[in-house]
Structures are given as C-alpha cells and as structure tokens.
C-alpha cells in the first residue's frame, strides 16, 4: 500500500517534531511508498521510497501559498497514494476531505490533545479512523477511535554508555504554563531549603507567546541558579535527548491529567526514573513514581524518596519500565499497528 502522510515539520533537528523523521523511516518498512507533505522541511535523510514535499513555510511563503501548494500536491500526486495519514492537524482533514472522498482515499488522522474544539470534532466526523495514545485524549472513546502506541524508537532511545548523575533531576519540553515547570522549580527549592543535594537540569524553550512565563521562571529559580543547583540549557534536537535522559536519574513531567507526553516513555526507555502526575501513564509507570497533580510538597517528597532508593531497586524498576515501553509503546509496534489499520480499511474499501 502507498500512503500520503501530512505533518507540520520534517527535520531531524526539530526539538519538538524531530521524532517524526524516525517515524517516517520506520513506516517506510511497512508501506510500498510514502508521499510526505509538511508545512516546513529541514534536515532529513530518509529511504528512497519516501518522497518529501514542503508547503513552503521555510521560505516564508504566505498562508494562501500554503493552501495552493497543499491542493496542488494532493491532486497532483493522487496516483502516488492509496490512503491518507494526517498527523495532529485537523485543518488538513477539513481542507482535503472532499477531494480525497472523490478520489476514494481512506483518511486516518492522529489527534492526542486532551483539549479540542470545532475543527477537531469536524475532522473526527470526516475521517475514517482517529488515532490517539492517551485514554483521556479528546479523540478517545469515539466509534472511530483507535488507541495506538506512543511510537518510541527503542533502538535509539536506550541507556547510553555514559555516567548517570545520581543526584540529578531533569525536565525536557516546552517552557509554558501548561507544562507547569514552575511547580518543579518550587519543589526543588523545598529540597534546597532542607539541605538536599541535587542538580536540576531544564531543557527547552518557550513559544513566543510564553516568553513572559520563561522570564518569571528564571526569576523564581534564581536561588537555585545562584547555588549552582539549577541550569537552563535551551532547546535541543530530539536526536540529542537519549544521551540527556541517560545522564539523569529522574525525569519529571508535570502536564495535566490525561496528557500523554512522549518524553515520559522516551526517558523510561533510556533508564531515567519518571516522576509524573498524569494518570494516562498508569499502565506503564509504577504507582510509587506518581505525585499529586499541582502539589509542590508531594512532588518534593517523591523526589527525596527516589534519592534514597537503593540502587538495586532503581535498576529493577528501570528494567521493568523499559520492557513495558519496548512491548507496548515502541515505534516498531506502532508502525505494524498502523499498517494493519490501513490494511483493514483497504479491505473494507474493496
């Protein structure tokens, strides 16, 4: 089967969507060919059966030009694909639906946010299947919903041969109010006040709209920065994160209940101990590594508990959690599930 894949960005260097490059490489082993259309393209190196086309954002083109290029590609390349996979952008389903229906192309969309609106609802109605990873996603629980693995490349995300700082606390992701990084900083300040030794490593940047949040975050963290117990590193490409996860003991995720942040299974696959509040991770994260959502003191207490765990217990949990990711959340499992999903739709069509 030949598929059309539509996504926001294709670039190995993207700090947010760099993982999708790996997805395309894995999908190329399951499908005859892939026509990949993105809003913006950067550095990529994909198999010969993957063709990449950009709508032109990297050249600063207008929105009208994006739309023109979109229709030009989905019509012009119509003989190069049998079905469509739209990743996270409901707008493309709305734009392309009529043409794809006329052409007889099945549509699968991927939507994993916990919040939604009119556009996603409409896209869910028009698509043949809607994929999600979180059981609490806005797209979950519908007749067309299909729960999928998170798609972690466990051949890449694995413990690296580097020393792990046994007193380190890690955050990887956007610096925005939704991610609640300020709660982590305050929890670390409680540890600092009790004389606990640690190093907080924060990787990520803020979208333009959240620059003031970052400024306030740095201000809150000033006591830790002055004491040498915290550092802001900025954003890093997704390809660099396996080494970062492997160098840190604890990886904290503070997103709200229901969210299924991909950094959690990625960090687990690299041997970092996850500390989370979202109950979406209940199937892969042991209860001892949950803290009460928005509770700074409980987060601080959980961090301190992990620091006191015997090495043997930490190692045992690492092995268990990596095995869960490999078995349930790996990219190899996702690519096979996606192939089977499209195959079932193709059989129905025929």
Protein backbone atom coordinates (compact mmCIF):
# COMPACT_ATOMS: atom_id res chain seq x y z
CA UNK A 1 0.00 0.00 0.00
CA UNK A 2 1.09 3.57 -0.75
CA UNK A 3 0.19 6.34 1.70
CA UNK A 4 0.17 10.13 1.86
CA UNK A 5 1.45 11.47 5.20
CA UNK A 6 0.76 15.06 6.25
CA UNK A 7 2.54 16.66 9.20
CA UNK A 8 3.80 20.02 10.45
CA UNK A 9 7.55 19.60 10.07
CA UNK A 10 10.07 17.08 8.80
CA UNK A 11 13.51 17.74 10.24
CA UNK A 12 15.93 15.70 12.30
CA UNK A 13 16.92 18.90 14.12
CA UNK A 14 13.44 19.88 15.29
CA UNK A 15 13.26 19.90 19.12
CA UNK A 16 9.51 19.18 19.04
CA UNK A 17 8.88 17.11 15.90
CA UNK A 18 12.30 15.59 15.29
CA UNK A 19 10.86 12.20 16.26
CA UNK A 20 8.61 12.21 13.19
CA UNK A 21 11.66 11.74 10.96
CA UNK A 22 12.18 8.40 12.70
CA UNK A 23 8.50 7.59 12.27
CA UNK A 24 8.74 8.04 8.50
CA UNK A 25 11.84 5.85 8.35
CA UNK A 26 10.01 3.10 10.27
CA UNK A 27 6.82 3.47 8.23
CA UNK A 28 8.85 3.10 5.03
CA UNK A 29 9.49 -0.54 6.00
CA UNK A 30 5.76 -1.25 6.24
CA UNK A 31 4.46 0.55 3.13
CA UNK A 32 5.35 0.35 -0.54
CA UNK A 33 5.91 4.10 -0.72
CA UNK A 34 5.23 7.26 1.29
CA UNK A 35 4.48 10.73 -0.05
CA UNK A 36 5.22 13.04 2.90
CA UNK A 37 3.85 16.58 2.85
CA UNK A 38 4.86 19.04 5.58
CA UNK A 39 4.32 22.70 6.30
CA UNK A 40 8.07 23.11 6.80
CA UNK A 41 11.06 20.92 5.98
CA UNK A 42 14.62 20.98 7.26
CA UNK A 43 17.42 18.46 7.52
CA UNK A 44 16.30 14.94 6.62
CA UNK A 45 17.70 11.67 5.31
CA UNK A 46 15.01 9.12 4.51
CA UNK A 47 14.77 5.88 2.50
CA UNK A 48 14.29 6.02 -1.27
CA UNK A 49 10.60 5.11 -1.05
CA UNK A 50 9.85 8.28 0.97
CA UNK A 51 9.32 11.50 -1.01
CA UNK A 52 9.21 14.76 0.95
CA UNK A 53 7.35 17.88 -0.19
CA UNK A 54 7.01 21.16 1.69
CA UNK A 55 4.19 23.68 1.60
CA UNK A 56 6.91 26.33 1.88
CA UNK A 57 6.97 27.78 5.38
CA UNK A 58 10.79 27.59 5.47
CA UNK A 59 10.80 30.06 2.54
CA UNK A 60 8.42 32.48 4.28
CA UNK A 61 5.53 31.96 1.91
CA UNK A 62 2.03 33.23 2.67
CA UNK A 63 -0.84 31.15 4.03
CA UNK A 64 -2.57 31.44 0.67
CA UNK A 65 0.51 29.91 -0.96
CA UNK A 66 0.47 27.06 1.60
CA UNK A 67 -3.12 26.24 0.68
CA UNK A 68 -2.36 26.41 -3.04
CA UNK A 69 0.61 24.06 -2.63
CA UNK A 70 -1.48 21.71 -0.49
CA UNK A 71 -4.14 21.27 -3.17
CA UNK A 72 -1.53 21.10 -5.93
CA UNK A 73 0.22 18.24 -4.14
CA UNK A 74 -2.76 16.16 -3.01
CA UNK A 75 -4.26 16.34 -6.51
CA UNK A 76 -1.03 16.16 -8.50
CA UNK A 77 0.26 13.17 -6.52
CA UNK A 78 -3.10 11.37 -6.38
CA UNK A 79 -1.78 8.32 -8.23
CA UNK A 80 1.12 8.00 -5.74
CA UNK A 81 -1.03 7.15 -2.71
CA UNK A 82 -3.95 4.92 -1.76
CA UNK A 83 -4.78 6.38 1.67
CA UNK A 84 -4.02 9.39 3.87
CA UNK A 85 -2.47 9.78 7.34
CA UNK A 86 -2.84 13.27 8.86
CA UNK A 87 -0.72 13.86 11.96
CA UNK A 88 -2.15 16.26 14.60
CA UNK A 89 -3.53 18.94 12.24
CA UNK A 90 -7.31 18.76 11.88
CA UNK A 91 -7.25 21.59 9.33
CA UNK A 92 -5.75 19.34 6.67
CA UNK A 93 -8.59 16.84 7.03
CA UNK A 94 -11.11 19.65 6.57
CA UNK A 95 -9.26 21.03 3.54
CA UNK A 96 -8.65 17.73 1.78
CA UNK A 97 -11.72 15.68 2.70
CA UNK A 98 -13.86 16.38 -0.37
CA UNK A 99 -11.04 15.70 -2.82
CA UNK A 100 -9.99 12.54 -1.00
CA UNK A 101 -13.56 11.26 -0.94
CA UNK A 102 -13.95 11.90 -4.67
CA UNK A 103 -10.66 10.08 -5.26
CA UNK A 104 -11.71 7.21 -2.96
CA UNK A 105 -8.87 7.70 -0.44
CA UNK A 106 -9.37 6.49 3.14
CA UNK A 107 -8.39 9.02 5.84
CA UNK A 108 -6.73 8.29 9.18
CA UNK A 109 -5.97 11.22 11.48
CA UNK A 110 -3.85 11.36 14.63
CA UNK A 111 -5.04 13.63 17.45
CA UNK A 112 -3.76 13.23 21.00
CA UNK A 113 -4.52 16.54 22.74
CA UNK A 114 -6.81 16.44 25.77
CA UNK A 115 -8.49 19.65 24.59
CA UNK A 116 -10.34 20.14 21.34
CA UNK A 117 -12.84 22.31 19.55
CA UNK A 118 -14.99 22.62 16.46
CA UNK A 119 -12.23 21.82 13.94
CA UNK A 120 -11.12 18.56 15.58
CA UNK A 121 -14.75 17.46 16.03
CA UNK A 122 -15.42 18.04 12.35
CA UNK A 123 -12.21 16.23 11.38
CA UNK A 124 -13.22 13.23 13.51
CA UNK A 125 -16.56 13.06 11.70
CA UNK A 126 -14.92 13.18 8.28
CA UNK A 127 -12.01 10.80 8.90
CA UNK A 128 -12.38 7.03 8.70
CA UNK A 129 -10.31 6.44 11.86
CA UNK A 130 -8.93 8.67 14.64
CA UNK A 131 -5.73 7.59 16.42
CA UNK A 132 -4.63 8.59 19.92
CA UNK A 133 -2.22 7.37 22.61
CA UNK A 134 -3.82 8.74 25.78
CA UNK A 135 -7.01 7.09 27.06
CA UNK A 136 -8.04 10.61 28.10
CA UNK A 137 -7.40 12.29 24.73
CA UNK A 138 -10.14 14.47 23.25
CA UNK A 139 -10.34 11.96 20.41
CA UNK A 140 -10.67 8.88 22.67
CA UNK A 141 -13.87 6.94 23.30
CA UNK A 142 -15.43 7.58 19.91
CA UNK A 143 -16.74 4.98 17.48
CA UNK A 144 -13.85 5.67 15.10
CA UNK A 145 -11.17 5.93 17.83
CA UNK A 146 -8.15 3.63 17.79
CA UNK A 147 -5.63 3.72 20.63
CA UNK A 148 -2.05 3.48 19.40
CA UNK A 149 1.44 3.12 20.94
CA UNK A 150 3.41 6.33 21.56
CA UNK A 151 5.94 5.34 18.90
CA UNK A 152 9.26 5.44 20.78
CA UNK A 153 12.22 4.21 18.73
CA UNK A 154 13.68 1.92 21.38
CA UNK A 155 16.69 1.17 19.18
CA UNK A 156 17.62 4.85 19.57
CA UNK A 157 16.10 5.57 22.97
CA UNK A 158 18.10 3.20 25.15
CA UNK A 159 20.58 3.68 28.01
CA UNK A 160 23.73 5.29 26.63
CA UNK A 161 27.22 4.30 27.73
CA UNK A 162 27.70 7.40 29.87
CA UNK A 163 27.73 8.07 33.61
CA UNK A 164 24.36 8.85 35.18
CA UNK A 165 24.33 11.66 37.75
CA UNK A 166 22.61 10.02 40.72
CA UNK A 167 21.53 13.38 42.18
CA UNK A 168 20.06 14.85 39.00
CA UNK A 169 16.52 15.98 38.21
CA UNK A 170 15.58 16.54 34.57
CA UNK A 171 12.87 18.39 32.69
CA UNK A 172 12.61 18.24 28.88
CA UNK A 173 9.92 20.11 26.97
CA UNK A 174 8.37 23.48 26.25
CA UNK A 175 8.55 26.17 28.90
CA UNK A 176 4.90 27.15 29.10
CA UNK A 177 2.17 27.46 31.74
CA UNK A 178 0.58 24.19 30.55
CA UNK A 179 3.80 22.31 31.36
CA UNK A 180 3.91 23.74 34.92
CA UNK A 181 7.71 23.87 35.16
CA UNK A 182 7.39 26.49 37.91
CA UNK A 183 5.98 23.79 40.21
CA UNK A 184 9.11 21.71 39.67
CA UNK A 185 11.32 24.68 40.49
CA UNK A 186 9.37 25.34 43.70
CA UNK A 187 9.59 21.67 44.69
CA UNK A 188 13.35 21.81 44.19
CA UNK A 189 13.51 24.94 46.33
CA UNK A 190 11.89 22.93 49.13
CA UNK A 191 14.62 20.31 48.74
CA UNK A 192 17.25 23.05 48.75
CA UNK A 193 15.83 24.52 51.97
CA UNK A 194 16.18 21.09 53.61
CA UNK A 195 19.81 20.80 52.56
CA UNK A 196 19.23 18.06 49.99
CA UNK A 197 21.94 17.85 47.33
CA UNK A 198 20.76 17.76 43.69
CA UNK A 199 21.09 19.37 40.26
CA UNK A 200 18.04 20.49 38.28
CA UNK A 201 18.60 20.41 34.50
CA UNK A 202 15.96 22.14 32.37
CA UNK A 203 15.96 21.66 28.59
CA UNK A 204 13.50 23.57 26.45
CA UNK A 205 12.39 26.96 25.23
CA UNK A 206 9.15 28.89 25.28
CA UNK A 207 6.94 29.73 22.32
CA UNK A 208 6.89 33.47 21.60
CA UNK A 209 3.53 33.78 23.36
CA UNK A 210 5.02 32.38 26.60
CA UNK A 211 8.24 34.42 26.83
CA UNK A 212 6.99 36.22 29.94
CA UNK A 213 6.44 32.82 31.59
CA UNK A 214 10.08 31.92 30.98
CA UNK A 215 11.22 35.22 32.45
CA UNK A 216 9.18 34.59 35.59
CA UNK A 217 10.50 31.02 35.74
CA UNK A 218 14.11 32.18 35.71
CA UNK A 219 13.29 34.71 38.42
CA UNK A 220 11.72 32.01 40.61
CA UNK A 221 14.74 29.77 40.05
CA UNK A 222 17.29 32.45 40.97
CA UNK A 223 18.15 30.97 44.42
CA UNK A 224 18.83 27.59 42.80
CA UNK A 225 20.81 29.16 39.96
CA UNK A 226 22.93 31.12 42.41
CA UNK A 227 23.61 27.97 44.44
CA UNK A 228 24.64 26.03 41.33
CA UNK A 229 21.70 23.66 41.75
CA UNK A 230 19.83 24.52 38.56
CA UNK A 231 20.63 25.29 34.94
CA UNK A 232 18.62 26.22 31.86
CA UNK A 233 20.04 24.67 28.68
CA UNK A 234 17.61 25.83 25.99
CA UNK A 235 16.08 23.55 23.39
CA UNK A 236 17.85 20.54 21.89
CA UNK A 237 17.10 18.36 18.85
CA UNK A 238 15.13 15.21 19.62
CA UNK A 239 18.12 13.19 18.41
CA UNK A 240 20.20 14.51 21.34
CA UNK A 241 17.73 13.59 24.07
CA UNK A 242 18.65 9.88 24.51
CA UNK A 243 22.04 10.93 25.87
CA UNK A 244 20.42 13.55 28.11
CA UNK A 245 17.92 11.06 29.53
CA UNK A 246 20.73 8.57 30.09
CA UNK A 247 22.76 11.11 32.06
CA UNK A 248 19.99 11.95 34.56
CA UNK A 249 18.40 9.99 37.40
CA UNK A 250 14.86 11.42 37.47
CA UNK A 251 12.80 12.87 34.61
CA UNK A 252 9.82 14.91 35.83
CA UNK A 253 6.69 15.54 33.79
CA UNK A 254 4.02 17.88 35.16
CA UNK A 255 1.44 18.00 32.38
CA UNK A 256 -2.22 17.79 33.49
CA UNK A 257 -4.17 14.59 33.99
CA UNK A 258 -4.92 12.84 30.75
CA UNK A 259 -1.90 14.15 28.87
CA UNK A 260 0.41 11.54 27.35
CA UNK A 261 3.66 13.43 26.88
CA UNK A 262 6.00 11.38 24.69
CA UNK A 263 9.04 12.44 26.75
CA UNK A 264 7.87 10.10 29.53
CA UNK A 265 8.20 6.77 27.65
CA UNK A 266 11.30 8.12 25.87
CA UNK A 267 13.01 8.81 29.19
CA UNK A 268 11.92 5.43 30.58
CA UNK A 269 13.43 3.66 27.58
CA UNK A 270 16.75 5.36 28.41
CA UNK A 271 16.71 4.29 32.05
CA UNK A 272 15.64 7.55 33.68
CA UNK A 273 13.14 7.23 36.54
CA UNK A 274 9.90 9.01 35.56
CA UNK A 275 8.01 11.13 38.05
CA UNK A 276 4.56 12.04 36.72
CA UNK A 277 1.11 13.22 37.76
CA UNK A 278 -0.94 12.35 34.66
CA UNK A 279 -2.91 9.14 35.21
CA UNK A 280 -2.68 8.43 31.50
CA UNK A 281 0.62 6.71 32.35
CA UNK A 282 -0.88 4.28 34.88
CA UNK A 283 -0.32 1.28 32.60
CA UNK A 284 3.44 1.80 32.25
CA UNK A 285 4.59 3.82 35.30
CA UNK A 286 4.56 2.19 38.79
CA UNK A 287 2.42 3.89 41.44
CA UNK A 288 5.47 4.89 43.50
CA UNK A 289 6.51 7.25 40.70
CA UNK A 290 3.34 9.34 40.71
CA UNK A 291 2.85 12.60 42.61
CA UNK A 292 -0.34 14.54 43.30
CA UNK A 293 -1.08 16.95 40.48
CA UNK A 294 -0.21 20.59 41.31
CA UNK A 295 1.07 19.58 44.78
CA UNK A 296 4.55 21.08 45.21
CA UNK A 297 5.17 19.44 48.58
CA UNK A 298 4.18 15.99 47.37
CA UNK A 299 6.46 16.37 44.35
CA UNK A 300 9.31 17.42 46.63
CA UNK A 301 8.66 14.42 48.88
CA UNK A 302 8.64 12.00 45.95
CA UNK A 303 11.91 13.40 44.63
CA UNK A 304 13.54 12.93 48.03
CA UNK A 305 12.22 9.35 48.23
CA UNK A 306 13.76 8.42 44.89
CA UNK A 307 17.13 9.83 46.00
CA UNK A 308 17.05 7.41 48.96
CA UNK A 309 16.07 4.29 46.99
CA UNK A 310 18.70 1.52 46.86
CA UNK A 311 20.50 1.17 43.54
CA UNK A 312 19.19 -2.38 43.20
CA UNK A 313 15.58 -1.15 43.44
CA UNK A 314 16.18 1.61 40.91
CA UNK A 315 17.79 -0.84 38.49
CA UNK A 316 14.94 -3.31 38.87
CA UNK A 317 12.38 -0.61 38.11
CA UNK A 318 14.41 0.59 35.12
CA UNK A 319 14.35 -2.88 33.61
CA UNK A 320 10.62 -3.27 34.19
CA UNK A 321 9.75 0.12 32.72
CA UNK A 322 11.97 -0.20 29.66
CA UNK A 323 10.43 -3.61 28.96
CA UNK A 324 6.95 -2.04 29.13
CA UNK A 325 7.93 0.66 26.65
CA UNK A 326 9.51 -1.84 24.25
CA UNK A 327 6.48 -4.12 24.41
CA UNK A 328 3.70 -1.54 24.37
CA UNK A 329 4.95 1.86 23.18
CA UNK A 330 7.72 1.18 20.65
CA UNK A 331 7.90 2.53 17.12
CA UNK A 332 8.10 -0.98 15.68
CA UNK A 333 4.77 -1.85 17.30
CA UNK A 334 3.22 1.44 16.14
CA UNK A 335 4.33 1.01 12.53
CA UNK A 336 2.90 -2.51 12.42
CA UNK A 337 -0.39 -1.40 14.03
CA UNK A 338 -0.68 1.45 11.54
CA UNK A 339 -0.04 -0.88 8.61
CA UNK A 340 -2.73 -3.26 9.90
CA UNK A 341 -5.16 -0.35 10.38
CA UNK A 342 -4.74 0.87 6.81
CA UNK A 343 -4.93 -2.73 5.60
CA UNK A 344 -8.30 -3.22 7.29
CA UNK A 345 -9.63 -0.01 5.74
CA UNK A 346 -8.33 -1.06 2.33
CA UNK A 347 -10.03 -4.46 2.66
CA UNK A 348 -13.30 -2.73 3.59
CA UNK A 349 -12.96 -0.40 0.62
CA UNK A 350 -12.53 -3.28 -1.79
